[in-house]
């Protein structure tokens, strides 16, 4: 079965258009945070903007992982995490009922 015409925006919501929009938002946010107009200029230097966005994202992920590791080192509880690295998907309440999260 073939799909009918899905509209112009259907093709724009996938692939590079989404990455481009994320990078543009990053550039605007960087300008707000630094207070320097054109600190990251998407149109003038798109490669630099993309590299800066990736660098900031990787730093954020590294910081998140370091915080997670510090909490686990200090308080323990790693055995209660599932294989995917998130919280356990089920738990038992006071009255003995099993509750599922996620």
PDB file of N, CA and C in Angstrom:
ATOM      1  N   UNK A   1       0.848  -1.178   0.000  1.00  0.00           N
ATOM      2  CA  UNK A   1       0.000   0.000   0.000  1.00  0.00           C
ATOM      3  C   UNK A   1       0.891   1.237   0.000  1.00  0.00           C
ATOM      4  N   UNK A   2       0.612   2.169  -0.855  1.00  0.00           N
ATOM      5  CA  UNK A   2       1.405   3.393  -0.929  1.00  0.00           C
ATOM      6  C   UNK A   2       0.698   4.505  -0.179  1.00  0.00           C
ATOM      7  N   UNK A   3       1.499   5.374   0.377  1.00  0.00           N
ATOM      8  CA  UNK A   3       0.961   6.523   1.088  1.00  0.00           C
ATOM      9  C   UNK A   3       0.670   7.646   0.117  1.00  0.00           C
ATOM     10  N   UNK A   4      -0.347   8.402   0.421  1.00  0.00           N
ATOM     11  CA  UNK A   4      -0.642   9.578  -0.381  1.00  0.00           C
ATOM     12  C   UNK A   4       0.312  10.701  -0.039  1.00  0.00           C
ATOM     13  N   UNK A   5       0.067  11.851  -0.575  1.00  0.00           N
ATOM     14  CA  UNK A   5       0.915  13.016  -0.319  1.00  0.00           C
ATOM     15  C   UNK A   5       0.831  13.380   1.154  1.00  0.00           C
ATOM     16  N   UNK A   6       1.957  13.428   1.824  1.00  0.00           N
ATOM     17  CA  UNK A   6       1.996  13.697   3.261  1.00  0.00           C
ATOM     18  C   UNK A   6       2.296  15.156   3.563  1.00  0.00           C
ATOM     19  N   UNK A   7       2.484  15.984   2.577  1.00  0.00           N
ATOM     20  CA  UNK A   7       2.773  17.394   2.810  1.00  0.00           C
ATOM     21  C   UNK A   7       4.252  17.690   2.697  1.00  0.00           C
ATOM     22  N   UNK A   8       4.551  18.955   2.543  1.00  0.00           N
ATOM     23  CA  UNK A   8       5.944  19.371   2.388  1.00  0.00           C
ATOM     24  C   UNK A   8       6.764  19.126   3.641  1.00  0.00           C
ATOM     25  N   UNK A   9       6.174  19.323   4.806  1.00  0.00           N
ATOM     26  CA  UNK A   9       6.916  19.205   6.049  1.00  0.00           C
ATOM     27  C   UNK A   9       7.258  17.763   6.402  1.00  0.00           C
ATOM     28  N   UNK A  10       6.614  16.807   5.755  1.00  0.00           N
ATOM     29  CA  UNK A  10       6.897  15.407   6.029  1.00  0.00           C
ATOM     30  C   UNK A  10       8.357  15.080   5.766  1.00  0.00           C
ATOM     31  N   UNK A  11       8.902  15.570   4.675  1.00  0.00           N
ATOM     32  CA  UNK A  11      10.295  15.285   4.348  1.00  0.00           C
ATOM     33  C   UNK A  11      11.259  16.135   5.173  1.00  0.00           C
ATOM     34  N   UNK A  12      10.803  17.221   5.707  1.00  0.00           N
ATOM     35  CA  UNK A  12      11.685  18.100   6.484  1.00  0.00           C
ATOM     36  C   UNK A  12      11.887  17.633   7.912  1.00  0.00           C
ATOM     37  N   UNK A  13      11.022  16.752   8.394  1.00  0.00           N
ATOM     38  CA  UNK A  13      11.086  16.342   9.783  1.00  0.00           C
ATOM     39  C   UNK A  13      12.085  15.203  10.011  1.00  0.00           C
ATOM     40  N   UNK A  14      12.765  14.755   8.997  1.00  0.00           N
ATOM     41  CA  UNK A  14      13.711  13.670   9.163  1.00  0.00           C
ATOM     42  C   UNK A  14      15.092  14.083   8.660  1.00  0.00           C
ATOM     43  N   UNK A  15      16.068  13.320   9.071  1.00  0.00           N
ATOM     44  CA  UNK A  15      17.418  13.497   8.551  1.00  0.00           C
ATOM     45  C   UNK A  15      18.112  14.766   8.986  1.00  0.00           C
ATOM     46  N   UNK A  16      18.763  15.409   8.038  1.00  0.00           N
ATOM     47  CA  UNK A  16      19.610  16.556   8.324  1.00  0.00           C
ATOM     48  C   UNK A  16      18.826  17.790   8.749  1.00  0.00           C
ATOM     49  N   UNK A  17      17.571  17.892   8.358  1.00  0.00           N
ATOM     50  CA  UNK A  17      16.790  19.065   8.727  1.00  0.00           C
ATOM     51  C   UNK A  17      16.627  19.164  10.239  1.00  0.00           C
ATOM     52  N   UNK A  18      16.454  18.024  10.889  1.00  0.00           N
ATOM     53  CA  UNK A  18      16.320  18.008  12.348  1.00  0.00           C
ATOM     54  C   UNK A  18      17.640  18.413  12.998  1.00  0.00           C
ATOM     55  N   UNK A  19      18.746  17.881  12.509  1.00  0.00           N
ATOM     56  CA  UNK A  19      20.065  18.228  13.048  1.00  0.00           C
ATOM     57  C   UNK A  19      20.362  19.715  12.848  1.00  0.00           C
ATOM     58  N   UNK A  20      19.982  20.221  11.700  1.00  0.00           N
ATOM     59  CA  UNK A  20      20.195  21.634  11.408  1.00  0.00           C
ATOM     60  C   UNK A  20      19.391  22.510  12.368  1.00  0.00           C
ATOM     61  N   UNK A  21      18.160  22.124  12.636  1.00  0.00           N
ATOM     62  CA  UNK A  21      17.327  22.889  13.572  1.00  0.00           C
ATOM     63  C   UNK A  21      17.898  22.834  14.984  1.00  0.00           C
ATOM     64  N   UNK A  22      18.399  21.665  15.399  1.00  0.00           N
ATOM     65  CA  UNK A  22      19.013  21.543  16.726  1.00  0.00           C
ATOM     66  C   UNK A  22      20.254  22.426  16.834  1.00  0.00           C
ATOM     67  N   UNK A  23      21.051  22.468  15.785  1.00  0.00           N
ATOM     68  CA  UNK A  23      22.253  23.299  15.788  1.00  0.00           C
ATOM     69  C   UNK A  23      21.893  24.777  15.824  1.00  0.00           C
ATOM     70  N   UNK A  24      20.851  25.163  15.101  1.00  0.00           N
ATOM     71  CA  UNK A  24      20.406  26.558  15.113  1.00  0.00           C
ATOM     72  C   UNK A  24      19.934  26.957  16.507  1.00  0.00           C
ATOM     73  N   UNK A  25      19.171  26.086  17.163  1.00  0.00           N
ATOM     74  CA  UNK A  25      18.738  26.365  18.533  1.00  0.00           C
ATOM     75  C   UNK A  25      19.930  26.472  19.477  1.00  0.00           C
ATOM     76  N   UNK A  26      20.917  25.607  19.279  1.00  0.00           N
ATOM     77  CA  UNK A  26      22.130  25.676  20.085  1.00  0.00           C
ATOM     78  C   UNK A  26      22.815  27.022  19.896  1.00  0.00           C
ATOM     79  N   UNK A  27      22.897  27.486  18.654  1.00  0.00           N
ATOM     80  CA  UNK A  27      23.550  28.769  18.376  1.00  0.00           C
ATOM     81  C   UNK A  27      22.815  29.915  19.062  1.00  0.00           C
ATOM     82  N   UNK A  28      21.497  29.892  19.013  1.00  0.00           N
ATOM     83  CA  UNK A  28      20.719  30.948  19.676  1.00  0.00           C
ATOM     84  C   UNK A  28      20.894  30.892  21.191  1.00  0.00           C
ATOM     85  N   UNK A  29      20.885  29.688  21.758  1.00  0.00           N
ATOM     86  CA  UNK A  29      21.068  29.545  23.204  1.00  0.00           C
ATOM     87  C   UNK A  29      22.467  29.997  23.625  1.00  0.00           C
ATOM     88  N   UNK A  30      23.465  29.667  22.823  1.00  0.00           N
ATOM     89  CA  UNK A  30      24.835  30.080  23.140  1.00  0.00           C
ATOM     90  C   UNK A  30      24.940  31.600  23.130  1.00  0.00           C
ATOM     91  N   UNK A  31      24.262  32.227  22.191  1.00  0.00           N
ATOM     92  CA  UNK A  31      24.276  33.689  22.123  1.00  0.00           C
ATOM     93  C   UNK A  31      23.628  34.293  23.365  1.00  0.00           C
ATOM     94  N   UNK A  32      22.533  33.715  23.813  1.00  0.00           N
ATOM     95  CA  UNK A  32      21.858  34.206  25.020  1.00  0.00           C
ATOM     96  C   UNK A  32      22.740  34.036  26.250  1.00  0.00           C
ATOM     97  N   UNK A  33      23.361  32.866  26.381  1.00  0.00           N
ATOM     98  CA  UNK A  33      24.153  32.564  27.571  1.00  0.00           C
ATOM     99  C   UNK A  33      25.430  33.374  27.642  1.00  0.00           C
ATOM    100  N   UNK A  34      26.080  33.583  26.500  1.00  0.00           N
ATOM    101  CA  UNK A  34      27.345  34.316  26.517  1.00  0.00           C
ATOM    102  C   UNK A  34      27.145  35.821  26.484  1.00  0.00           C
ATOM    103  N   UNK A  35      26.021  36.243  25.947  1.00  0.00           N
ATOM    104  CA  UNK A  35      25.775  37.671  25.819  1.00  0.00           C
ATOM    105  C   UNK A  35      26.536  38.307  24.671  1.00  0.00           C
ATOM    106  N   UNK A  36      27.187  37.493  23.868  1.00  0.00           N
ATOM    107  CA  UNK A  36      27.958  37.981  22.723  1.00  0.00           C
ATOM    108  C   UNK A  36      27.153  37.680  21.468  1.00  0.00           C
ATOM    109  N   UNK A  37      26.753  38.732  20.776  1.00  0.00           N
ATOM    110  CA  UNK A  37      25.971  38.530  19.561  1.00  0.00           C
ATOM    111  C   UNK A  37      26.825  37.866  18.496  1.00  0.00           C
ATOM    112  N   UNK A  38      26.329  36.783  17.940  1.00  0.00           N
ATOM    113  CA  UNK A  38      27.058  36.064  16.901  1.00  0.00           C
ATOM    114  C   UNK A  38      28.183  35.200  17.434  1.00  0.00           C
ATOM    115  N   UNK A  39      28.115  34.808  18.719  1.00  0.00           N
ATOM    116  CA  UNK A  39      29.160  33.958  19.289  1.00  0.00           C
ATOM    117  C   UNK A  39      29.290  32.663  18.496  1.00  0.00           C
ATOM    118  N   UNK A  40      28.167  32.099  18.118  1.00  0.00           N
ATOM    119  CA  UNK A  40      28.135  30.924  17.257  1.00  0.00           C
ATOM    120  C   UNK A  40      27.200  31.293  16.119  1.00  0.00           C
ATOM    121  N   UNK A  41      27.755  31.534  14.949  1.00  0.00           N
ATOM    122  CA  UNK A  41      26.926  31.966  13.833  1.00  0.00           C
ATOM    123  C   UNK A  41      26.689  30.789  12.904  1.00  0.00           C
ATOM    124  N   UNK A  42      25.453  30.342  12.855  1.00  0.00           N
ATOM    125  CA  UNK A  42      25.092  29.157  12.100  1.00  0.00           C
ATOM    126  C   UNK A  42      25.328  29.314  10.604  1.00  0.00           C
ATOM    127  N   UNK A  43      24.980  30.457  10.046  1.00  0.00           N
ATOM    128  CA  UNK A  43      25.115  30.636   8.608  1.00  0.00           C
ATOM    129  C   UNK A  43      26.550  30.958   8.187  1.00  0.00           C
ATOM    130  N   UNK A  44      27.271  31.697   9.007  1.00  0.00           N
ATOM    131  CA  UNK A  44      28.633  32.093   8.645  1.00  0.00           C
ATOM    132  C   UNK A  44      29.622  30.937   8.789  1.00  0.00           C
ATOM    133  N   UNK A  45      29.424  30.091   9.807  1.00  0.00           N
ATOM    134  CA  UNK A  45      30.353  29.000  10.050  1.00  0.00           C
ATOM    135  C   UNK A  45      29.599  27.782  10.584  1.00  0.00           C
ATOM    136  N   UNK A  46      28.877  27.074   9.716  1.00  0.00           N
ATOM    137  CA  UNK A  46      28.061  25.951  10.177  1.00  0.00           C
ATOM    138  C   UNK A  46      28.881  24.791  10.750  1.00  0.00           C
ATOM    139  N   UNK A  47      30.074  24.577  10.231  1.00  0.00           N
ATOM    140  CA  UNK A  47      30.906  23.489  10.748  1.00  0.00           C
ATOM    141  C   UNK A  47      31.318  23.762  12.185  1.00  0.00           C
ATOM    142  N   UNK A  48      31.715  24.990  12.464  1.00  0.00           N
ATOM    143  CA  UNK A  48      32.113  25.365  13.815  1.00  0.00           C
ATOM    144  C   UNK A  48      30.925  25.235  14.767  1.00  0.00           C
ATOM    145  N   UNK A  49      29.755  25.672  14.326  1.00  0.00           N
ATOM    146  CA  UNK A  49      28.561  25.583  15.163  1.00  0.00           C
ATOM    147  C   UNK A  49      28.230  24.131  15.477  1.00  0.00           C
ATOM    148  N   UNK A  50      28.312  23.266  14.492  1.00  0.00           N
ATOM    149  CA  UNK A  50      28.021  21.843  14.700  1.00  0.00           C
ATOM    150  C   UNK A  50      29.040  21.201  15.636  1.00  0.00           C
ATOM    151  N   UNK A  51      30.317  21.515  15.446  1.00  0.00           N
ATOM    152  CA  UNK A  51      31.351  20.961  16.325  1.00  0.00           C
ATOM    153  C   UNK A  51      31.184  21.437  17.760  1.00  0.00           C
ATOM    154  N   UNK A  52      30.841  22.716  17.926  1.00  0.00           N
ATOM    155  CA  UNK A  52      30.624  23.237  19.281  1.00  0.00           C
ATOM    156  C   UNK A  52      29.422  22.562  19.933  1.00  0.00           C
ATOM    157  N   UNK A  53      28.358  22.335  19.179  1.00  0.00           N
ATOM    158  CA  UNK A  53      27.174  21.681  19.722  1.00  0.00           C
ATOM    159  C   UNK A  53      27.508  20.258  20.172  1.00  0.00           C
ATOM    160  N   UNK A  54      28.244  19.532  19.335  1.00  0.00           N
ATOM    161  CA  UNK A  54      28.634  18.165  19.678  1.00  0.00           C
ATOM    162  C   UNK A  54      29.541  18.142  20.908  1.00  0.00           C
ATOM    163  N   UNK A  55      30.444  19.119  20.994  1.00  0.00           N
ATOM    164  CA  UNK A  55      31.361  19.194  22.132  1.00  0.00           C
ATOM    165  C   UNK A  55      30.592  19.460  23.435  1.00  0.00           C
ATOM    166  N   UNK A  56      29.646  20.385  23.376  1.00  0.00           N
ATOM    167  CA  UNK A  56      28.838  20.704  24.560  1.00  0.00           C
ATOM    168  C   UNK A  56      27.992  19.498  24.967  1.00  0.00           C
ATOM    169  N   UNK A  57      27.417  18.812  23.989  1.00  0.00           N
ATOM    170  CA  UNK A  57      26.620  17.622  24.294  1.00  0.00           C
ATOM    171  C   UNK A  57      27.466  16.532  24.932  1.00  0.00           C
ATOM    172  N   UNK A  58      28.670  16.312  24.411  1.00  0.00           N
ATOM    173  CA  UNK A  58      29.524  15.264  24.979  1.00  0.00           C
ATOM    174  C   UNK A  58      29.980  15.636  26.390  1.00  0.00           C
ATOM    175  N   UNK A  59      30.251  16.917  26.626  1.00  0.00           N
ATOM    176  CA  UNK A  59      30.603  17.346  27.982  1.00  0.00           C
ATOM    177  C   UNK A  59      29.439  17.127  28.941  1.00  0.00           C
ATOM    178  N   UNK A  60      28.243  17.404  28.468  1.00  0.00           N
ATOM    179  CA  UNK A  60      27.055  17.194  29.290  1.00  0.00           C
ATOM    180  C   UNK A  60      26.865  15.732  29.633  1.00  0.00           C
ATOM    181  N   UNK A  61      27.069  14.858  28.661  1.00  0.00           N
ATOM    182  CA  UNK A  61      26.938  13.423  28.910  1.00  0.00           C
ATOM    183  C   UNK A  61      28.032  12.940  29.863  1.00  0.00           C
ATOM    184  N   UNK A  62      29.259  13.451  29.698  1.00  0.00           N
ATOM    185  CA  UNK A  62      30.356  13.081  30.595  1.00  0.00           C
ATOM    186  C   UNK A  62      30.049  13.526  32.027  1.00  0.00           C
ATOM    187  N   UNK A  63      29.552  14.747  32.177  1.00  0.00           N
ATOM    188  CA  UNK A  63      29.216  15.265  33.499  1.00  0.00           C
ATOM    189  C   UNK A  63      28.106  14.440  34.141  1.00  0.00           C
ATOM    190  N   UNK A  64      27.114  14.086  33.359  1.00  0.00           N
ATOM    191  CA  UNK A  64      26.011  13.277  33.871  1.00  0.00           C
ATOM    192  C   UNK A  64      26.521  11.912  34.340  1.00  0.00           C
ATOM    193  N   UNK A  65      27.398  11.305  33.567  1.00  0.00           N
ATOM    194  CA  UNK A  65      27.944   9.998  33.932  1.00  0.00           C
ATOM    195  C   UNK A  65      28.831  10.093  35.176  1.00  0.00           C
ATOM    196  N   UNK A  66      29.622  11.177  35.289  1.00  0.00           N
ATOM    197  CA  UNK A  66      30.457  11.353  36.488  1.00  0.00           C
ATOM    198  C   UNK A  66      29.599  11.533  37.730  1.00  0.00           C
ATOM    199  N   UNK A  67      28.507  12.295  37.612  1.00  0.00           N
ATOM    200  CA  UNK A  67      27.601  12.474  38.750  1.00  0.00           C
ATOM    201  C   UNK A  67      26.970  11.149  39.151  1.00  0.00           C
ATOM    202  N   UNK A  68      26.543  10.383  38.158  1.00  0.00           N
ATOM    203  CA  UNK A  68      25.929   9.085  38.421  1.00  0.00           C
ATOM    204  C   UNK A  68      26.916   8.161  39.135  1.00  0.00           C
ATOM    205  N   UNK A  69      28.157   8.141  38.639  1.00  0.00           N
ATOM    206  CA  UNK A  69      29.181   7.291  39.243  1.00  0.00           C
ATOM    207  C   UNK A  69      29.500   7.732  40.668  1.00  0.00           C
ATOM    208  N   UNK A  70      29.548   9.054  40.902  1.00  0.00           N
ATOM    209  CA  UNK A  70      29.833   9.560  42.244  1.00  0.00           C
ATOM    210  C   UNK A  70      28.734   9.167  43.220  1.00  0.00           C
ATOM    211  N   UNK A  71      27.493   9.243  42.796  1.00  0.00           N
ATOM    212  CA  UNK A  71      26.383   8.854  43.667  1.00  0.00           C
ATOM    213  C   UNK A  71      26.438   7.368  43.969  1.00  0.00           C
ATOM    214  N   UNK A  72      26.697   6.552  42.934  1.00  0.00           N
ATOM    215  CA  UNK A  72      26.785   5.111  43.154  1.00  0.00           C
ATOM    216  C   UNK A  72      27.971   4.747  44.035  1.00  0.00           C
ATOM    217  N   UNK A  73      29.105   5.432  43.878  1.00  0.00           N
ATOM    218  CA  UNK A  73      30.266   5.166  44.725  1.00  0.00           C
ATOM    219  C   UNK A  73      29.986   5.536  46.175  1.00  0.00           C
ATOM    220  N   UNK A  74      29.274   6.619  46.370  1.00  0.00           N
ATOM    221  CA  UNK A  74      29.019   7.092  47.723  1.00  0.00           C
ATOM    222  C   UNK A  74      27.922   6.287  48.425  1.00  0.00           C
ATOM    223  N   UNK A  75      26.829   6.021  47.702  1.00  0.00           N
ATOM    224  CA  UNK A  75      25.674   5.399  48.336  1.00  0.00           C
ATOM    225  C   UNK A  75      25.441   3.950  47.925  1.00  0.00           C
ATOM    226  N   UNK A  76      26.105   3.492  46.888  1.00  0.00           N
ATOM    227  CA  UNK A  76      25.887   2.130  46.418  1.00  0.00           C
ATOM    228  C   UNK A  76      24.563   2.016  45.683  1.00  0.00           C
ATOM    229  N   UNK A  77      24.108   0.788  45.504  1.00  0.00           N
ATOM    230  CA  UNK A  77      22.824   0.560  44.866  1.00  0.00           C
ATOM    231  C   UNK A  77      22.900   0.211  43.406  1.00  0.00           C
ATOM    232  N   UNK A  78      24.091  -0.056  42.913  1.00  0.00           N
ATOM    233  CA  UNK A  78      24.231  -0.377  41.501  1.00  0.00           C
ATOM    234  C   UNK A  78      23.497  -1.673  41.150  1.00  0.00           C
ATOM    235  N   UNK A  79      23.348  -2.558  42.139  1.00  0.00           N
ATOM    236  CA  UNK A  79      22.673  -3.824  41.878  1.00  0.00           C
ATOM    237  C   UNK A  79      21.173  -3.637  41.606  1.00  0.00           C
ATOM    238  N   UNK A  80      20.650  -2.450  41.922  1.00  0.00           N
ATOM    239  CA  UNK A  80      19.232  -2.185  41.689  1.00  0.00           C
ATOM    240  C   UNK A  80      18.960  -1.558  40.324  1.00  0.00           C
ATOM    241  N   UNK A  81      19.987  -1.301  39.581  1.00  0.00           N
ATOM    242  CA  UNK A  81      19.828  -0.744  38.242  1.00  0.00           C
ATOM    243  C   UNK A  81      19.729  -1.874  37.232  1.00  0.00           C
ATOM    244  N   UNK A  82      18.941  -1.658  36.187  1.00  0.00           N
ATOM    245  CA  UNK A  82      18.815  -2.690  35.163  1.00  0.00           C
ATOM    246  C   UNK A  82      19.994  -2.625  34.200  1.00  0.00           C
ATOM    247  N   UNK A  83      20.022  -3.532  33.247  1.00  0.00           N
ATOM    248  CA  UNK A  83      21.140  -3.630  32.313  1.00  0.00           C
ATOM    249  C   UNK A  83      21.268  -2.400  31.423  1.00  0.00           C
ATOM    250  N   UNK A  84      20.151  -1.689  31.185  1.00  0.00           N
ATOM    251  CA  UNK A  84      20.185  -0.513  30.323  1.00  0.00           C
ATOM    252  C   UNK A  84      20.760   0.707  31.034  1.00  0.00           C
ATOM    253  N   UNK A  85      20.970   0.631  32.339  1.00  0.00           N
ATOM    254  CA  UNK A  85      21.562   1.747  33.063  1.00  0.00           C
ATOM    255  C   UNK A  85      20.548   2.654  33.714  1.00  0.00           C
ATOM    256  N   UNK A  86      19.296   2.343  33.626  1.00  0.00           N
ATOM    257  CA  UNK A  86      18.260   3.161  34.248  1.00  0.00           C
ATOM    258  C   UNK A  86      17.822   2.563  35.563  1.00  0.00           C
ATOM    259  N   UNK A  87      16.764   3.086  36.109  1.00  0.00           N
ATOM    260  CA  UNK A  87      16.221   2.574  37.355  1.00  0.00           C
ATOM    261  C   UNK A  87      15.545   1.236  37.095  1.00  0.00           C
ATOM    262  N   UNK A  88      15.409   0.456  38.142  1.00  0.00           N
ATOM    263  CA  UNK A  88      14.729  -0.824  38.011  1.00  0.00           C
ATOM    264  C   UNK A  88      13.300  -0.604  37.548  1.00  0.00           C
ATOM    265  N   UNK A  89      12.813  -1.490  36.713  1.00  0.00           N
ATOM    266  CA  UNK A  89      11.514  -1.271  36.092  1.00  0.00           C
ATOM    267  C   UNK A  89      10.349  -1.685  36.978  1.00  0.00           C
ATOM    268  N   UNK A  90      10.572  -2.511  37.997  1.00  0.00           N
ATOM    269  CA  UNK A  90       9.489  -2.884  38.895  1.00  0.00           C
ATOM    270  C   UNK A  90       9.945  -2.718  40.333  1.00  0.00           C
ATOM    271  N   UNK A  91       8.993  -2.490  41.203  1.00  0.00           N
ATOM    272  CA  UNK A  91       9.263  -2.376  42.625  1.00  0.00           C
ATOM    273  C   UNK A  91       8.045  -2.868  43.390  1.00  0.00           C
ATOM    274  N   UNK A  92       8.226  -3.183  44.641  1.00  0.00           N
ATOM    275  CA  UNK A  92       7.130  -3.666  45.463  1.00  0.00           C
ATOM    276  C   UNK A  92       6.777  -2.596  46.482  1.00  0.00           C
ATOM    277  N   UNK A  93       5.482  -2.294  46.590  1.00  0.00           N
ATOM    278  CA  UNK A  93       5.015  -1.275  47.537  1.00  0.00           C
ATOM    279  C   UNK A  93       4.842  -1.880  48.919  1.00  0.00           C
ATOM    280  N   UNK A  94       4.475  -1.063  49.898  1.00  0.00           N
ATOM    281  CA  UNK A  94       4.295  -1.500  51.280  1.00  0.00           C
ATOM    282  C   UNK A  94       3.271  -2.629  51.409  1.00  0.00           C
ATOM    283  N   UNK A  95       2.204  -2.518  50.631  1.00  0.00           N
ATOM    284  CA  UNK A  95       1.145  -3.523  50.741  1.00  0.00           C
ATOM    285  C   UNK A  95       1.406  -4.762  49.896  1.00  0.00           C
ATOM    286  N   UNK A  96       2.587  -4.894  49.318  1.00  0.00           N
ATOM    287  CA  UNK A  96       2.969  -6.096  48.600  1.00  0.00           C
ATOM    288  C   UNK A  96       2.645  -6.108  47.133  1.00  0.00           C
ATOM    289  N   UNK A  97       2.069  -5.036  46.599  1.00  0.00           N
ATOM    290  CA  UNK A  97       1.753  -4.987  45.184  1.00  0.00           C
ATOM    291  C   UNK A  97       3.002  -4.610  44.383  1.00  0.00           C
ATOM    292  N   UNK A  98       3.119  -5.211  43.224  1.00  0.00           N
ATOM    293  CA  UNK A  98       4.238  -4.916  42.347  1.00  0.00           C
ATOM    294  C   UNK A  98       3.839  -3.796  41.393  1.00  0.00           C
ATOM    295  N   UNK A  99       4.700  -2.774  41.306  1.00  0.00           N
ATOM    296  CA  UNK A  99       4.432  -1.619  40.465  1.00  0.00           C
ATOM    297  C   UNK A  99       5.505  -1.546  39.403  1.00  0.00           C
ATOM    298  N   UNK A 100       5.099  -1.315  38.154  1.00  0.00           N
ATOM    299  CA  UNK A 100       6.039  -1.241  37.042  1.00  0.00           C
ATOM    300  C   UNK A 100       6.209   0.193  36.587  1.00  0.00           C
ATOM    301  N   UNK A 101       7.438   0.612  36.340  1.00  0.00           N
ATOM    302  CA  UNK A 101       7.743   1.953  35.853  1.00  0.00           C
ATOM    303  C   UNK A 101       8.414   1.834  34.505  1.00  0.00           C
ATOM    304  N   UNK A 102       8.137   2.821  33.656  1.00  0.00           N
ATOM    305  CA  UNK A 102       8.855   2.870  32.396  1.00  0.00           C
ATOM    306  C   UNK A 102       8.054   2.380  31.277  1.00  0.00           C
TER     307      UNK A 102
END
